[in-house]
PDB file of all heavy atoms in Angstrom:
ATOM      1  N   SER A   1     -53.565   5.388  11.084  1.00  0.00           N
ATOM      2  CA  SER A   1     -52.523   6.371  10.771  1.00  0.00           C
ATOM      3  C   SER A   1     -53.078   7.718  10.247  1.00  0.00           C
ATOM      4  O   SER A   1     -52.368   8.716  10.273  1.00  0.00           O
ATOM      5  CB  SER A   1     -51.576   5.803   9.760  1.00  0.00           C
ATOM      6  OG  SER A   1     -52.230   5.480   8.530  1.00  0.00           O
ATOM      7  N   VAL A   2     -54.363   7.724   9.860  1.00  0.00           N
ATOM      8  CA  VAL A   2     -54.899   8.970   9.309  1.00  0.00           C
ATOM      9  C   VAL A   2     -56.070   9.503  10.166  1.00  0.00           C
ATOM     10  O   VAL A   2     -56.630  10.589   9.857  1.00  0.00           O
ATOM     11  CB  VAL A   2     -55.406   8.772   7.839  1.00  0.00           C
ATOM     12  CG1 VAL A   2     -54.278   8.237   6.988  1.00  0.00           C
ATOM     13  CG2 VAL A   2     -56.600   7.875   7.791  1.00  0.00           C
ATOM     14  N   LYS A   3     -56.542   8.810  11.185  1.00  0.00           N
ATOM     15  CA  LYS A   3     -57.589   9.241  11.975  1.00  0.00           C
ATOM     16  C   LYS A   3     -57.249  10.626  12.636  1.00  0.00           C
ATOM     17  O   LYS A   3     -56.189  10.878  13.189  1.00  0.00           O
ATOM     18  CB  LYS A   3     -57.889   8.243  13.140  1.00  0.00           C
ATOM     19  CG  LYS A   3     -58.541   6.972  12.675  1.00  0.00           C
ATOM     20  CD  LYS A   3     -58.819   6.022  13.781  1.00  0.00           C
ATOM     21  CE  LYS A   3     -59.514   4.747  13.328  1.00  0.00           C
ATOM     22  NZ  LYS A   3     -59.732   3.826  14.483  1.00  0.00           N
ATOM     23  N   GLY A   4     -58.239  11.506  12.566  1.00  0.00           N
ATOM     24  CA  GLY A   4     -58.041  12.842  13.114  1.00  0.00           C
ATOM     25  C   GLY A   4     -57.430  13.825  12.080  1.00  0.00           C
ATOM     26  O   GLY A   4     -57.471  15.053  12.338  1.00  0.00           O
ATOM     27  N   ARG A   5     -56.907  13.315  11.002  1.00  0.00           N
ATOM     28  CA  ARG A   5     -56.319  14.195   9.996  1.00  0.00           C
ATOM     29  C   ARG A   5     -57.086  14.150   8.657  1.00  0.00           C
ATOM     30  O   ARG A   5     -57.165  15.124   7.967  1.00  0.00           O
ATOM     31  CB  ARG A   5     -54.839  13.779   9.731  1.00  0.00           C
ATOM     32  CG  ARG A   5     -53.974  13.842  10.968  1.00  0.00           C
ATOM     33  CD  ARG A   5     -52.508  13.659  10.585  1.00  0.00           C
ATOM     34  NE  ARG A   5     -52.291  12.295  10.128  1.00  0.00           N
ATOM     35  CZ  ARG A   5     -51.795  12.023   8.858  1.00  0.00           C
ATOM     36  NH1 ARG A   5     -51.414  13.012   8.053  1.00  0.00           N
ATOM     37  NH2 ARG A   5     -51.604  10.750   8.507  1.00  0.00           N
ATOM     38  N   PHE A   6     -57.632  12.983   8.290  1.00  0.00           N
ATOM     39  CA  PHE A   6     -58.309  12.813   7.064  1.00  0.00           C
ATOM     40  C   PHE A   6     -59.806  12.695   7.278  1.00  0.00           C
ATOM     41  O   PHE A   6     -60.230  12.137   8.290  1.00  0.00           O
ATOM     42  CB  PHE A   6     -57.824  11.549   6.319  1.00  0.00           C
ATOM     43  CG  PHE A   6     -56.435  11.574   5.759  1.00  0.00           C
ATOM     44  CD1 PHE A   6     -55.515  12.622   6.138  1.00  0.00           C
ATOM     45  CD2 PHE A   6     -55.990  10.602   4.900  1.00  0.00           C
ATOM     46  CE1 PHE A   6     -54.243  12.673   5.635  1.00  0.00           C
ATOM     47  CE2 PHE A   6     -54.670  10.656   4.439  1.00  0.00           C
ATOM     48  CZ  PHE A   6     -53.807  11.661   4.845  1.00  0.00           C
ATOM     49  N   THR A   7     -60.613  13.179   6.346  1.00  0.00           N
ATOM     50  CA  THR A   7     -62.040  13.042   6.379  1.00  0.00           C
ATOM     51  C   THR A   7     -62.597  12.622   5.050  1.00  0.00           C
ATOM     52  O   THR A   7     -62.265  13.189   4.018  1.00  0.00           O
ATOM     53  CB  THR A   7     -62.718  14.349   6.816  1.00  0.00           C
ATOM     54  OG1 THR A   7     -62.229  14.780   8.083  1.00  0.00           O
ATOM     55  CG2 THR A   7     -64.203  14.146   6.870  1.00  0.00           C
ATOM     56  N   ILE A   8     -63.309  11.508   5.012  1.00  0.00           N
ATOM     57  CA  ILE A   8     -63.951  11.081   3.804  1.00  0.00           C
ATOM     58  C   ILE A   8     -65.453  11.457   3.783  1.00  0.00           C
ATOM     59  O   ILE A   8     -66.086  11.466   4.844  1.00  0.00           O
ATOM     60  CB  ILE A   8     -63.827   9.503   3.622  1.00  0.00           C
ATOM     61  CG1 ILE A   8     -64.237   9.081   2.274  1.00  0.00           C
ATOM     62  CG2 ILE A   8     -64.578   8.745   4.728  1.00  0.00           C
ATOM     63  CD1 ILE A   8     -63.900   7.620   1.899  1.00  0.00           C
ATOM     64  N   SER A   9     -65.915  11.861   2.653  1.00  0.00           N
ATOM     65  CA  SER A   9     -67.291  12.274   2.494  1.00  0.00           C
ATOM     66  C   SER A   9     -67.815  11.799   1.140  1.00  0.00           C
ATOM     67  O   SER A   9     -66.990  11.440   0.274  1.00  0.00           O
ATOM     68  CB  SER A   9     -67.456  13.758   2.655  1.00  0.00           C
ATOM     69  OG  SER A   9     -66.684  14.474   1.735  1.00  0.00           O
ATOM     70  N   ARG A  10     -69.100  11.891   0.924  1.00  0.00           N
ATOM     71  CA  ARG A  10     -69.614  11.422  -0.343  1.00  0.00           C
ATOM     72  C   ARG A  10     -70.882  12.241  -0.757  1.00  0.00           C
ATOM     73  O   ARG A  10     -71.532  12.829   0.076  1.00  0.00           O
ATOM     74  CB  ARG A  10     -69.964   9.928  -0.281  1.00  0.00           C
ATOM     75  CG  ARG A  10     -71.366   9.613   0.291  1.00  0.00           C
ATOM     76  CD  ARG A  10     -71.422   9.579   1.784  1.00  0.00           C
ATOM     77  NE  ARG A  10     -72.631   9.068   2.296  1.00  0.00           N
ATOM     78  CZ  ARG A  10     -73.677   9.843   2.616  1.00  0.00           C
ATOM     79  NH1 ARG A  10     -73.617  11.145   2.476  1.00  0.00           N
ATOM     80  NH2 ARG A  10     -74.794   9.281   3.157  1.00  0.00           N
ATOM     81  N   ASP A  11     -71.081  12.257  -2.025  1.00  0.00           N
ATOM     82  CA  ASP A  11     -72.314  12.845  -2.645  1.00  0.00           C
ATOM     83  C   ASP A  11     -72.918  11.700  -3.461  1.00  0.00           C
ATOM     84  O   ASP A  11     -72.480  11.451  -4.578  1.00  0.00           O
ATOM     85  CB  ASP A  11     -71.964  14.021  -3.506  1.00  0.00           C
ATOM     86  CG  ASP A  11     -73.193  14.728  -4.010  1.00  0.00           C
ATOM     87  OD1 ASP A  11     -74.249  14.048  -4.147  1.00  0.00           O
ATOM     88  OD2 ASP A  11     -73.093  15.890  -4.413  1.00  0.00           O
ATOM     89  N   ASN A  12     -73.901  11.001  -2.876  1.00  0.00           N
ATOM     90  CA  ASN A  12     -74.517   9.844  -3.555  1.00  0.00           C
ATOM     91  C   ASN A  12     -75.106  10.215  -4.885  1.00  0.00           C
ATOM     92  O   ASN A  12     -75.152   9.428  -5.801  1.00  0.00           O
ATOM     93  CB  ASN A  12     -75.486   9.157  -2.664  1.00  0.00           C
ATOM     94  CG  ASN A  12     -74.836   8.435  -1.495  1.00  0.00           C
ATOM     95  OD1 ASN A  12     -73.715   8.003  -1.599  1.00  0.00           O
ATOM     96  ND2 ASN A  12     -75.595   8.197  -0.375  1.00  0.00           N
ATOM     97  N   ALA A  13     -75.690  11.403  -4.941  1.00  0.00           N
ATOM     98  CA  ALA A  13     -76.397  11.831  -6.183  1.00  0.00           C
ATOM     99  C   ALA A  13     -75.399  11.919  -7.305  1.00  0.00           C
ATOM    100  O   ALA A  13     -75.771  11.696  -8.514  1.00  0.00           O
ATOM    101  CB  ALA A  13     -77.095  13.148  -5.972  1.00  0.00           C
ATOM    102  N   LYS A  14     -74.148  12.261  -7.016  1.00  0.00           N
ATOM    103  CA  LYS A  14     -73.096  12.354  -8.014  1.00  0.00           C
ATOM    104  C   LYS A  14     -72.185  11.152  -8.077  1.00  0.00           C
ATOM    105  O   LYS A  14     -71.305  11.174  -8.911  1.00  0.00           O
ATOM    106  CB  LYS A  14     -72.273  13.648  -7.736  1.00  0.00           C
ATOM    107  CG  LYS A  14     -73.083  14.949  -7.869  1.00  0.00           C
ATOM    108  CD  LYS A  14     -72.161  16.162  -7.671  1.00  0.00           C
ATOM    109  CE  LYS A  14     -72.920  17.420  -7.738  1.00  0.00           C
ATOM    110  NZ  LYS A  14     -72.019  18.599  -7.505  1.00  0.00           N
ATOM    111  N   ASN A  15     -72.416  10.231  -7.228  1.00  0.00           N
ATOM    112  CA  ASN A  15     -71.532   9.029  -7.140  1.00  0.00           C
ATOM    113  C   ASN A  15     -70.079   9.514  -7.029  1.00  0.00           C
ATOM    114  O   ASN A  15     -69.198   8.997  -7.673  1.00  0.00           O
ATOM    115  CB  ASN A  15     -71.753   8.153  -8.294  1.00  0.00           C
ATOM    116  CG  ASN A  15     -73.004   7.313  -8.279  1.00  0.00           C
ATOM    117  OD1 ASN A  15     -73.369   6.865  -7.187  1.00  0.00           O
ATOM    118  ND2 ASN A  15     -73.582   7.086  -9.376  1.00  0.00           N
ATOM    119  N   THR A  16     -69.896  10.412  -6.127  1.00  0.00           N
ATOM    120  CA  THR A  16     -68.538  11.029  -5.917  1.00  0.00           C
ATOM    121  C   THR A  16     -68.226  10.996  -4.443  1.00  0.00           C
ATOM    122  O   THR A  16     -69.001  11.200  -3.615  1.00  0.00           O
ATOM    123  CB  THR A  16     -68.608  12.480  -6.407  1.00  0.00           C
ATOM    124  OG1 THR A  16     -68.872  12.513  -7.800  1.00  0.00           O
ATOM    125  CG2 THR A  16     -67.179  13.142  -6.146  1.00  0.00           C
ATOM    126  N   ILE A  17     -66.925  10.684  -4.182  1.00  0.00           N
ATOM    127  CA  ILE A  17     -66.378  10.750  -2.816  1.00  0.00           C
ATOM    128  C   ILE A  17     -65.193  11.717  -2.818  1.00  0.00           C
ATOM    129  O   ILE A  17     -64.580  11.964  -3.829  1.00  0.00           O
ATOM    130  CB  ILE A  17     -65.912   9.364  -2.315  1.00  0.00           C
ATOM    131  CG1 ILE A  17     -64.810   8.813  -3.121  1.00  0.00           C
ATOM    132  CG2 ILE A  17     -67.126   8.422  -2.172  1.00  0.00           C
ATOM    133  CD1 ILE A  17     -64.130   7.564  -2.511  1.00  0.00           C
ATOM    134  N   TYR A  18     -64.948  12.203  -1.592  1.00  0.00           N
ATOM    135  CA  TYR A  18     -63.906  13.104  -1.371  1.00  0.00           C
ATOM    136  C   TYR A  18     -63.031  12.674  -0.254  1.00  0.00           C
ATOM    137  O   TYR A  18     -63.479  12.044   0.717  1.00  0.00           O
ATOM    138  CB  TYR A  18     -64.372  14.560  -1.125  1.00  0.00           C
ATOM    139  CG  TYR A  18     -65.424  14.977  -2.150  1.00  0.00           C
ATOM    140  CD1 TYR A  18     -66.768  14.782  -1.956  1.00  0.00           C
ATOM    141  CD2 TYR A  18     -65.012  15.715  -3.224  1.00  0.00           C
ATOM    142  CE1 TYR A  18     -67.711  15.175  -2.928  1.00  0.00           C
ATOM    143  CE2 TYR A  18     -65.906  16.154  -4.206  1.00  0.00           C
ATOM    144  CZ  TYR A  18     -67.304  15.872  -4.016  1.00  0.00           C
ATOM    145  OH  TYR A  18     -68.176  16.296  -4.937  1.00  0.00           O
ATOM    146  N   LEU A  19     -61.723  13.014  -0.247  1.00  0.00           N
ATOM    147  CA  LEU A  19     -60.898  12.767   0.909  1.00  0.00           C
ATOM    148  C   LEU A  19     -60.141  14.085   1.212  1.00  0.00           C
ATOM    149  O   LEU A  19     -59.268  14.516   0.462  1.00  0.00           O
ATOM    150  CB  LEU A  19     -59.890  11.700   0.597  1.00  0.00           C
ATOM    151  CG  LEU A  19     -58.992  11.245   1.726  1.00  0.00           C
ATOM    152  CD1 LEU A  19     -59.815  10.530   2.793  1.00  0.00           C
ATOM    153  CD2 LEU A  19     -57.882  10.353   1.254  1.00  0.00           C
ATOM    154  N   GLN A  20     -60.558  14.741   2.337  1.00  0.00           N
ATOM    155  CA  GLN A  20     -59.910  15.943   2.770  1.00  0.00           C
ATOM    156  C   GLN A  20     -58.738  15.474   3.681  1.00  0.00           C
ATOM    157  O   GLN A  20     -58.903  14.810   4.728  1.00  0.00           O
ATOM    158  CB  GLN A  20     -60.840  16.793   3.588  1.00  0.00           C
ATOM    159  CG  GLN A  20     -60.216  18.084   4.134  1.00  0.00           C
ATOM    160  CD  GLN A  20     -59.858  18.993   3.045  1.00  0.00           C
ATOM    161  OE1 GLN A  20     -60.587  19.232   2.098  1.00  0.00           O
ATOM    162  NE2 GLN A  20     -58.581  19.511   3.119  1.00  0.00           N
ATOM    163  N   MET A  21     -57.522  15.856   3.256  1.00  0.00           N
ATOM    164  CA  MET A  21     -56.304  15.418   3.939  1.00  0.00           C
ATOM    165  C   MET A  21     -55.655  16.650   4.510  1.00  0.00           C
ATOM    166  O   MET A  21     -55.188  17.593   3.804  1.00  0.00           O
ATOM    167  CB  MET A  21     -55.365  14.723   2.990  1.00  0.00           C
ATOM    168  CG  MET A  21     -55.966  13.546   2.289  1.00  0.00           C
ATOM    169  SD  MET A  21     -54.813  12.562   1.297  1.00  0.00           S
ATOM    170  CE  MET A  21     -54.385  13.833   0.032  1.00  0.00           C
ATOM    171  N   ASN A  22     -55.609  16.702   5.862  1.00  0.00           N
ATOM    172  CA  ASN A  22     -54.974  17.808   6.524  1.00  0.00           C
ATOM    173  C   ASN A  22     -53.742  17.307   7.346  1.00  0.00           C
ATOM    174  O   ASN A  22     -53.618  16.149   7.592  1.00  0.00           O
ATOM    175  CB  ASN A  22     -55.989  18.453   7.510  1.00  0.00           C
ATOM    176  CG  ASN A  22     -57.218  19.050   6.815  1.00  0.00           C
ATOM    177  OD1 ASN A  22     -57.072  19.588   5.725  1.00  0.00           O
ATOM    178  ND2 ASN A  22     -58.369  19.054   7.477  1.00  0.00           N
ATOM    179  N   SER A  23     -52.923  18.259   7.758  1.00  0.00           N
ATOM    180  CA  SER A  23     -51.724  17.940   8.526  1.00  0.00           C
ATOM    181  C   SER A  23     -50.950  16.821   7.875  1.00  0.00           C
ATOM    182  O   SER A  23     -50.502  15.839   8.496  1.00  0.00           O
ATOM    183  CB  SER A  23     -52.114  17.574   9.964  1.00  0.00           C
ATOM    184  OG  SER A  23     -52.837  18.586  10.562  1.00  0.00           O
ATOM    185  N   LEU A  24     -50.735  16.979   6.618  1.00  0.00           N
ATOM    186  CA  LEU A  24     -50.022  15.908   5.853  1.00  0.00           C
ATOM    187  C   LEU A  24     -48.607  15.696   6.302  1.00  0.00           C
ATOM    188  O   LEU A  24     -47.872  16.679   6.673  1.00  0.00           O
ATOM    189  CB  LEU A  24     -50.072  16.259   4.335  1.00  0.00           C
ATOM    190  CG  LEU A  24     -51.440  15.986   3.667  1.00  0.00           C
ATOM    191  CD1 LEU A  24     -51.508  16.704   2.353  1.00  0.00           C
ATOM    192  CD2 LEU A  24     -51.624  14.500   3.502  1.00  0.00           C
ATOM    193  N   LYS A  25     -48.180  14.493   6.269  1.00  0.00           N
ATOM    194  CA  LYS A  25     -46.854  14.073   6.694  1.00  0.00           C
ATOM    195  C   LYS A  25     -46.085  13.409   5.563  1.00  0.00           C
ATOM    196  O   LYS A  25     -46.796  12.953   4.647  1.00  0.00           O
ATOM    197  CB  LYS A  25     -46.927  13.109   7.910  1.00  0.00           C
ATOM    198  CG  LYS A  25     -47.713  13.540   9.063  1.00  0.00           C
ATOM    199  CD  LYS A  25     -47.876  12.446  10.075  1.00  0.00           C
ATOM    200  CE  LYS A  25     -48.668  12.889  11.280  1.00  0.00           C
ATOM    201  NZ  LYS A  25     -48.786  11.809  12.317  1.00  0.00           N
ATOM    202  N   PRO A  26     -44.806  13.402   5.588  1.00  0.00           N
ATOM    203  CA  PRO A  26     -44.025  12.790   4.505  1.00  0.00           C
ATOM    204  C   PRO A  26     -44.421  11.341   4.304  1.00  0.00           C
ATOM    205  O   PRO A  26     -44.434  10.863   3.168  1.00  0.00           O
ATOM    206  CB  PRO A  26     -42.552  12.916   4.987  1.00  0.00           C
ATOM    207  CG  PRO A  26     -42.533  14.149   5.786  1.00  0.00           C
ATOM    208  CD  PRO A  26     -43.907  14.194   6.521  1.00  0.00           C
ATOM    209  N   GLU A  27     -44.791  10.680   5.370  1.00  0.00           N
ATOM    210  CA  GLU A  27     -45.199   9.258   5.261  1.00  0.00           C
ATOM    211  C   GLU A  27     -46.530   9.053   4.576  1.00  0.00           C
ATOM    212  O   GLU A  27     -46.936   7.939   4.251  1.00  0.00           O
ATOM    213  CB  GLU A  27     -45.205   8.565   6.621  1.00  0.00           C
ATOM    214  CG  GLU A  27     -45.968   9.325   7.711  1.00  0.00           C
ATOM    215  CD  GLU A  27     -45.012  10.169   8.591  1.00  0.00           C
ATOM    216  OE1 GLU A  27     -44.125  10.827   7.998  1.00  0.00           O
ATOM    217  OE2 GLU A  27     -45.136  10.110   9.829  1.00  0.00           O
ATOM    218  N   ASP A  28     -47.243  10.114   4.335  1.00  0.00           N
ATOM    219  CA  ASP A  28     -48.517  10.051   3.527  1.00  0.00           C
ATOM    220  C   ASP A  28     -48.181  10.000   2.012  1.00  0.00           C
ATOM    221  O   ASP A  28     -49.153   9.799   1.268  1.00  0.00           O
ATOM    222  CB  ASP A  28     -49.397  11.310   3.823  1.00  0.00           C
ATOM    223  CG  ASP A  28     -49.899  11.279   5.245  1.00  0.00           C
ATOM    224  OD1 ASP A  28     -50.273  10.220   5.767  1.00  0.00           O
ATOM    225  OD2 ASP A  28     -49.920  12.371   5.848  1.00  0.00           O
ATOM    226  N   THR A  29     -46.957  10.181   1.610  1.00  0.00           N
ATOM    227  CA  THR A  29     -46.605  10.131   0.233  1.00  0.00           C
ATOM    228  C   THR A  29     -46.956   8.777  -0.351  1.00  0.00           C
ATOM    229  O   THR A  29     -46.506   7.763   0.146  1.00  0.00           O
ATOM    230  CB  THR A  29     -45.120  10.460   0.019  1.00  0.00           C
ATOM    231  OG1 THR A  29     -44.824  11.797   0.477  1.00  0.00           O
ATOM    232  CG2 THR A  29     -44.768  10.296  -1.426  1.00  0.00           C
ATOM    233  N   ALA A  30     -47.764   8.724  -1.399  1.00  0.00           N
ATOM    234  CA  ALA A  30     -48.148   7.507  -1.968  1.00  0.00           C
ATOM    235  C   ALA A  30     -48.978   7.765  -3.255  1.00  0.00           C
ATOM    236  O   ALA A  30     -49.341   8.925  -3.478  1.00  0.00           O
ATOM    237  CB  ALA A  30     -49.006   6.715  -1.022  1.00  0.00           C
ATOM    238  N   ILE A  31     -49.264   6.772  -4.008  1.00  0.00           N
ATOM    239  CA  ILE A  31     -50.264   6.837  -5.050  1.00  0.00           C
ATOM    240  C   ILE A  31     -51.598   6.469  -4.373  1.00  0.00           C
ATOM    241  O   ILE A  31     -51.700   5.433  -3.714  1.00  0.00           O
ATOM    242  CB  ILE A  31     -50.023   5.895  -6.217  1.00  0.00           C
ATOM    243  CG1 ILE A  31     -48.686   6.232  -6.820  1.00  0.00           C
ATOM    244  CG2 ILE A  31     -51.071   6.017  -7.233  1.00  0.00           C
ATOM    245  CD1 ILE A  31     -48.257   5.239  -7.950  1.00  0.00           C
ATOM    246  N   TYR A  32     -52.543   7.324  -4.493  1.00  0.00           N
ATOM    247  CA  TYR A  32     -53.857   7.138  -3.928  1.00  0.00           C
ATOM    248  C   TYR A  32     -54.852   6.648  -4.977  1.00  0.00           C
ATOM    249  O   TYR A  32     -54.996   7.219  -6.033  1.00  0.00           O
ATOM    250  CB  TYR A  32     -54.391   8.416  -3.271  1.00  0.00           C
ATOM    251  CG  TYR A  32     -53.709   8.762  -1.982  1.00  0.00           C
ATOM    252  CD1 TYR A  32     -52.341   9.097  -1.942  1.00  0.00           C
ATOM    253  CD2 TYR A  32     -54.386   8.593  -0.759  1.00  0.00           C
ATOM    254  CE1 TYR A  32     -51.737   9.399  -0.735  1.00  0.00           C
ATOM    255  CE2 TYR A  32     -53.751   8.904   0.490  1.00  0.00           C
ATOM    256  CZ  TYR A  32     -52.435   9.296   0.462  1.00  0.00           C
ATOM    257  OH  TYR A  32     -51.780   9.587   1.666  1.00  0.00           O
ATOM    258  N   TYR A  33     -55.526   5.507  -4.623  1.00  0.00           N
ATOM    259  CA  TYR A  33     -56.416   4.836  -5.555  1.00  0.00           C
ATOM    260  C   TYR A  33     -57.886   4.921  -5.054  1.00  0.00           C
ATOM    261  O   TYR A  33     -58.126   4.625  -3.880  1.00  0.00           O
ATOM    262  CB  TYR A  33     -56.093   3.408  -5.761  1.00  0.00           C
ATOM    263  CG  TYR A  33     -54.712   3.203  -6.393  1.00  0.00           C
ATOM    264  CD1 TYR A  33     -53.575   3.050  -5.677  1.00  0.00           C
ATOM    265  CD2 TYR A  33     -54.558   3.158  -7.804  1.00  0.00           C
ATOM    266  CE1 TYR A  33     -52.356   2.784  -6.236  1.00  0.00           C
ATOM    267  CE2 TYR A  33     -53.346   2.901  -8.393  1.00  0.00           C
ATOM    268  CZ  TYR A  33     -52.265   2.730  -7.626  1.00  0.00           C
ATOM    269  OH  TYR A  33     -51.048   2.506  -8.218  1.00  0.00           O
ATOM    270  N   CYS A  34     -58.799   5.247  -5.945  1.00  0.00           N
ATOM    271  CA  CYS A  34     -60.186   5.205  -5.591  1.00  0.00           C
ATOM    272  C   CYS A  34     -60.758   3.785  -5.840  1.00  0.00           C
ATOM    273  O   CYS A  34     -60.316   3.157  -6.824  1.00  0.00           O
ATOM    274  CB  CYS A  34     -60.922   6.237  -6.428  1.00  0.00           C
ATOM    275  SG  CYS A  34     -62.702   6.312  -6.142  1.00  0.00           S
ATOM    276  N   ASN A  35     -61.614   3.356  -4.998  1.00  0.00           N
ATOM    277  CA  ASN A  35     -62.214   2.028  -5.089  1.00  0.00           C
ATOM    278  C   ASN A  35     -63.699   2.157  -4.972  1.00  0.00           C
ATOM    279  O   ASN A  35     -64.224   2.963  -4.193  1.00  0.00           O
ATOM    280  CB  ASN A  35     -61.653   1.183  -3.959  1.00  0.00           C
ATOM    281  CG  ASN A  35     -62.440  -0.118  -3.772  1.00  0.00           C
ATOM    282  OD1 ASN A  35     -63.396  -0.175  -3.040  1.00  0.00           O
ATOM    283  ND2 ASN A  35     -62.003  -1.193  -4.431  1.00  0.00           N
ATOM    284  N   ALA A  36     -64.417   1.362  -5.757  1.00  0.00           N
ATOM    285  CA  ALA A  36     -65.888   1.317  -5.675  1.00  0.00           C
ATOM    286  C   ALA A  36     -66.403  -0.121  -5.670  1.00  0.00           C
ATOM    287  O   ALA A  36     -65.942  -0.946  -6.479  1.00  0.00           O
ATOM    288  CB  ALA A  36     -66.475   2.075  -6.835  1.00  0.00           C
ATOM    289  N   ASP A  37     -67.311  -0.362  -4.761  1.00  0.00           N
ATOM    290  CA  ASP A  37     -68.066  -1.645  -4.686  1.00  0.00           C
ATOM    291  C   ASP A  37     -69.431  -1.370  -5.269  1.00  0.00           C
ATOM    292  O   ASP A  37     -70.232  -0.662  -4.599  1.00  0.00           O
ATOM    293  CB  ASP A  37     -68.095  -2.118  -3.263  1.00  0.00           C
ATOM    294  CG  ASP A  37     -68.718  -3.461  -3.111  1.00  0.00           C
ATOM    295  OD1 ASP A  37     -69.379  -3.974  -4.056  1.00  0.00           O
ATOM    296  OD2 ASP A  37     -68.570  -4.128  -2.036  1.00  0.00           O
ATOM    297  N   ALA A  38     -69.688  -1.801  -6.484  1.00  0.00           N
ATOM    298  CA  ALA A  38     -70.888  -1.478  -7.231  1.00  0.00           C
ATOM    299  C   ALA A  38     -71.761  -2.623  -7.475  1.00  0.00           C
ATOM    300  O   ALA A  38     -71.277  -3.786  -7.547  1.00  0.00           O
ATOM    301  CB  ALA A  38     -70.475  -0.751  -8.534  1.00  0.00           C
TER     302      ALA A  38
END
């Protein structure tokens, strides 16, 4: 449902990830949770 619109990226040195969300739709409305497998 998000392919072509969202892009995930990471900075391993900072242990940080990003989610660039473009062309947002009403159905994207949600609580977004970050998850880590450590």
